[in-house]
Amino acid sequence: LSTLCFVIFMTIFGITRLGMFPIYVLHPVKTIIPDFVMSFYMLSILQVLHIYWFFLILKTAKKAITGDLNDTREKKSSWDLGRWNSVRKQILELAGSKKDN
């Protein structure tokens, strides 16, 4: 089910963001309303982001196809519980010393 949803998402994203957006939004803003130059530039930046995001989606799809779906996040964060408690204690001590003054 999740694979089917991902394929549907990827297809719709590609069609709407890479196909329809340039034709139905970017082109008319550039040709019909040339006074909105800043809007065109901002929409062009959005189009570049769409291309980048689609690249990331394709990269994820490639990993799913090849079976390389390992979790690349760190298993143990550098902010483990002991470190957090140490920082919390220091903050409370600072807050207490300021309160006394």
C-alpha atoms as a PDB file:
ATOM      1  CA  LEU A   1       0.000   0.000   0.000  1.00  0.00           C
ATOM      2  CA  SER A   2       2.782   2.446   0.880  1.00  0.00           C
ATOM      3  CA  THR A   3       4.579   1.682  -2.384  1.00  0.00           C
ATOM      4  CA  LEU A   4       1.411   2.357  -4.342  1.00  0.00           C
ATOM      5  CA  CYS A   5       0.860   5.652  -2.515  1.00  0.00           C
ATOM      6  CA  PHE A   6       4.476   6.662  -3.164  1.00  0.00           C
ATOM      7  CA  VAL A   7       4.162   5.901  -6.882  1.00  0.00           C
ATOM      8  CA  ILE A   8       0.923   7.907  -7.064  1.00  0.00           C
ATOM      9  CA  PHE A   9       2.553  10.797  -5.175  1.00  0.00           C
ATOM     10  CA  MET A  10       5.622  10.731  -7.425  1.00  0.00           C
ATOM     11  CA  THR A  11       3.497  10.687 -10.574  1.00  0.00           C
ATOM     12  CA  ILE A  12       1.195  13.497  -9.488  1.00  0.00           C
ATOM     13  CA  PHE A  13       4.123  15.587  -8.226  1.00  0.00           C
ATOM     14  CA  GLY A  14       5.982  15.162 -11.520  1.00  0.00           C
ATOM     15  CA  ILE A  15       2.975  15.971 -13.678  1.00  0.00           C
ATOM     16  CA  THR A  16       1.751  18.974 -11.695  1.00  0.00           C
ATOM     17  CA  ARG A  17       5.035  20.551 -10.573  1.00  0.00           C
ATOM     18  CA  LEU A  18       7.270  19.794 -13.548  1.00  0.00           C
ATOM     19  CA  GLY A  19       4.670  19.706 -16.302  1.00  0.00           C
ATOM     20  CA  MET A  20       1.664  21.858 -15.507  1.00  0.00           C
ATOM     21  CA  PHE A  21       3.276  24.533 -13.325  1.00  0.00           C
ATOM     22  CA  PRO A  22       5.640  25.855 -16.027  1.00  0.00           C
ATOM     23  CA  ILE A  23       2.926  25.784 -18.699  1.00  0.00           C
ATOM     24  CA  TYR A  24      -0.024  27.154 -16.754  1.00  0.00           C
ATOM     25  CA  VAL A  25       1.732  29.461 -14.288  1.00  0.00           C
ATOM     26  CA  LEU A  26       5.259  30.459 -15.308  1.00  0.00           C
ATOM     27  CA  HIS A  27       4.619  31.030 -19.005  1.00  0.00           C
ATOM     28  CA  PRO A  28       1.495  33.208 -18.539  1.00  0.00           C
ATOM     29  CA  VAL A  29       3.170  35.295 -15.834  1.00  0.00           C
ATOM     30  CA  LYS A  30       6.101  35.927 -18.170  1.00  0.00           C
ATOM     31  CA  THR A  31       4.122  36.607 -21.364  1.00  0.00           C
ATOM     32  CA  ILE A  32       0.707  37.939 -20.370  1.00  0.00           C
ATOM     33  CA  ILE A  33       1.688  39.949 -17.303  1.00  0.00           C
ATOM     34  CA  PRO A  34       5.269  41.125 -17.983  1.00  0.00           C
ATOM     35  CA  ASP A  35       5.019  43.869 -15.342  1.00  0.00           C
ATOM     36  CA  PHE A  36       5.256  41.275 -12.563  1.00  0.00           C
ATOM     37  CA  VAL A  37       8.958  40.582 -13.057  1.00  0.00           C
ATOM     38  CA  MET A  38       9.610  39.956  -9.369  1.00  0.00           C
ATOM     39  CA  SER A  39       6.750  37.462  -9.234  1.00  0.00           C
ATOM     40  CA  PHE A  40       8.209  35.653 -12.227  1.00  0.00           C
ATOM     41  CA  TYR A  41      11.616  35.427 -10.565  1.00  0.00           C
ATOM     42  CA  MET A  42      10.129  34.128  -7.333  1.00  0.00           C
ATOM     43  CA  LEU A  43       8.043  31.552  -9.213  1.00  0.00           C
ATOM     44  CA  SER A  44      11.161  30.534 -11.128  1.00  0.00           C
ATOM     45  CA  ILE A  45      12.952  29.921  -7.840  1.00  0.00           C
ATOM     46  CA  LEU A  46       9.982  27.799  -6.791  1.00  0.00           C
ATOM     47  CA  GLN A  47      10.348  25.837 -10.032  1.00  0.00           C
ATOM     48  CA  VAL A  48      14.019  25.191  -9.259  1.00  0.00           C
ATOM     49  CA  LEU A  49      12.943  23.887  -5.847  1.00  0.00           C
ATOM     50  CA  HIS A  50      10.384  21.617  -7.531  1.00  0.00           C
ATOM     51  CA  ILE A  51      13.139  20.180  -9.714  1.00  0.00           C
ATOM     52  CA  TYR A  52      15.371  19.607  -6.682  1.00  0.00           C
ATOM     53  CA  TRP A  53      12.551  17.993  -4.702  1.00  0.00           C
ATOM     54  CA  PHE A  54      11.699  15.725  -7.618  1.00  0.00           C
ATOM     55  CA  PHE A  55      15.356  14.713  -7.788  1.00  0.00           C
ATOM     56  CA  LEU A  56      15.151  13.742  -4.095  1.00  0.00           C
ATOM     57  CA  ILE A  57      11.948  11.793  -4.770  1.00  0.00           C
ATOM     58  CA  LEU A  58      13.659   9.912  -7.619  1.00  0.00           C
ATOM     59  CA  LYS A  59      16.626   9.220  -5.363  1.00  0.00           C
ATOM     60  CA  THR A  60      14.283   7.743  -2.765  1.00  0.00           C
ATOM     61  CA  ALA A  61      12.532   5.684  -5.447  1.00  0.00           C
ATOM     62  CA  LYS A  62      15.887   4.340  -6.626  1.00  0.00           C
ATOM     63  CA  LYS A  63      16.729   3.299  -3.068  1.00  0.00           C
ATOM     64  CA  ALA A  64      13.354   1.590  -2.756  1.00  0.00           C
ATOM     65  CA  ILE A  65      13.861  -0.307  -6.011  1.00  0.00           C
ATOM     66  CA  THR A  66      17.393  -1.434  -5.178  1.00  0.00           C
ATOM     67  CA  GLY A  67      16.361  -2.358  -1.631  1.00  0.00           C
ATOM     68  CA  ASP A  68      18.813   0.038   0.039  1.00  0.00           C
ATOM     69  CA  LEU A  69      16.352   1.388   2.605  1.00  0.00           C
ATOM     70  CA  ASN A  70      18.622   1.495   5.632  1.00  0.00           C
ATOM     71  CA  ASP A  71      18.035   4.224   8.168  1.00  0.00           C
ATOM     72  CA  THR A  72      20.969   6.596   7.719  1.00  0.00           C
ATOM     73  CA  ARG A  73      20.271   8.615  10.851  1.00  0.00           C
ATOM     74  CA  GLU A  74      22.634   8.298  13.755  1.00  0.00           C
ATOM     75  CA  LYS A  75      21.720   5.530  16.151  1.00  0.00           C
ATOM     76  CA  LYS A  76      22.942   7.423  19.189  1.00  0.00           C
ATOM     77  CA  SER A  77      22.636  11.153  19.171  1.00  0.00           C
ATOM     78  CA  SER A  78      25.404  13.306  20.563  1.00  0.00           C
ATOM     79  CA  TRP A  79      22.708  14.838  22.758  1.00  0.00           C
ATOM     80  CA  ASP A  80      22.038  11.742  24.787  1.00  0.00           C
ATOM     81  CA  LEU A  81      20.153  11.834  28.053  1.00  0.00           C
ATOM     82  CA  GLY A  82      23.242  12.241  30.231  1.00  0.00           C
ATOM     83  CA  ARG A  83      24.443  15.254  28.269  1.00  0.00           C
ATOM     84  CA  TRP A  84      20.989  16.796  28.307  1.00  0.00           C
ATOM     85  CA  ASN A  85      20.695  16.365  32.086  1.00  0.00           C
ATOM     86  CA  SER A  86      24.104  18.013  32.549  1.00  0.00           C
ATOM     87  CA  VAL A  87      23.082  21.035  30.459  1.00  0.00           C
ATOM     88  CA  ARG A  88      19.720  21.217  32.228  1.00  0.00           C
ATOM     89  CA  LYS A  89      21.446  21.215  35.619  1.00  0.00           C
ATOM     90  CA  GLN A  90      23.754  24.051  34.543  1.00  0.00           C
ATOM     91  CA  ILE A  91      20.806  26.110  33.317  1.00  0.00           C
ATOM     92  CA  LEU A  92      18.921  25.598  36.565  1.00  0.00           C
ATOM     93  CA  GLU A  93      22.001  26.564  38.580  1.00  0.00           C
ATOM     94  CA  LEU A  94      22.399  29.767  36.528  1.00  0.00           C
ATOM     95  CA  ALA A  95      18.731  30.575  36.924  1.00  0.00           C
ATOM     96  CA  GLY A  96      18.973  30.013  40.690  1.00  0.00           C
ATOM     97  CA  SER A  97      22.023  32.224  41.062  1.00  0.00           C
ATOM     98  CA  LYS A  98      20.374  35.056  39.119  1.00  0.00           C
ATOM     99  CA  LYS A  99      17.257  34.691  41.236  1.00  0.00           C
ATOM    100  CA  ASP A 100      19.317  35.126  44.434  1.00  0.00           C
ATOM    101  CA  ASN A 101      20.840  38.412  43.189  1.00  0.00           C
END
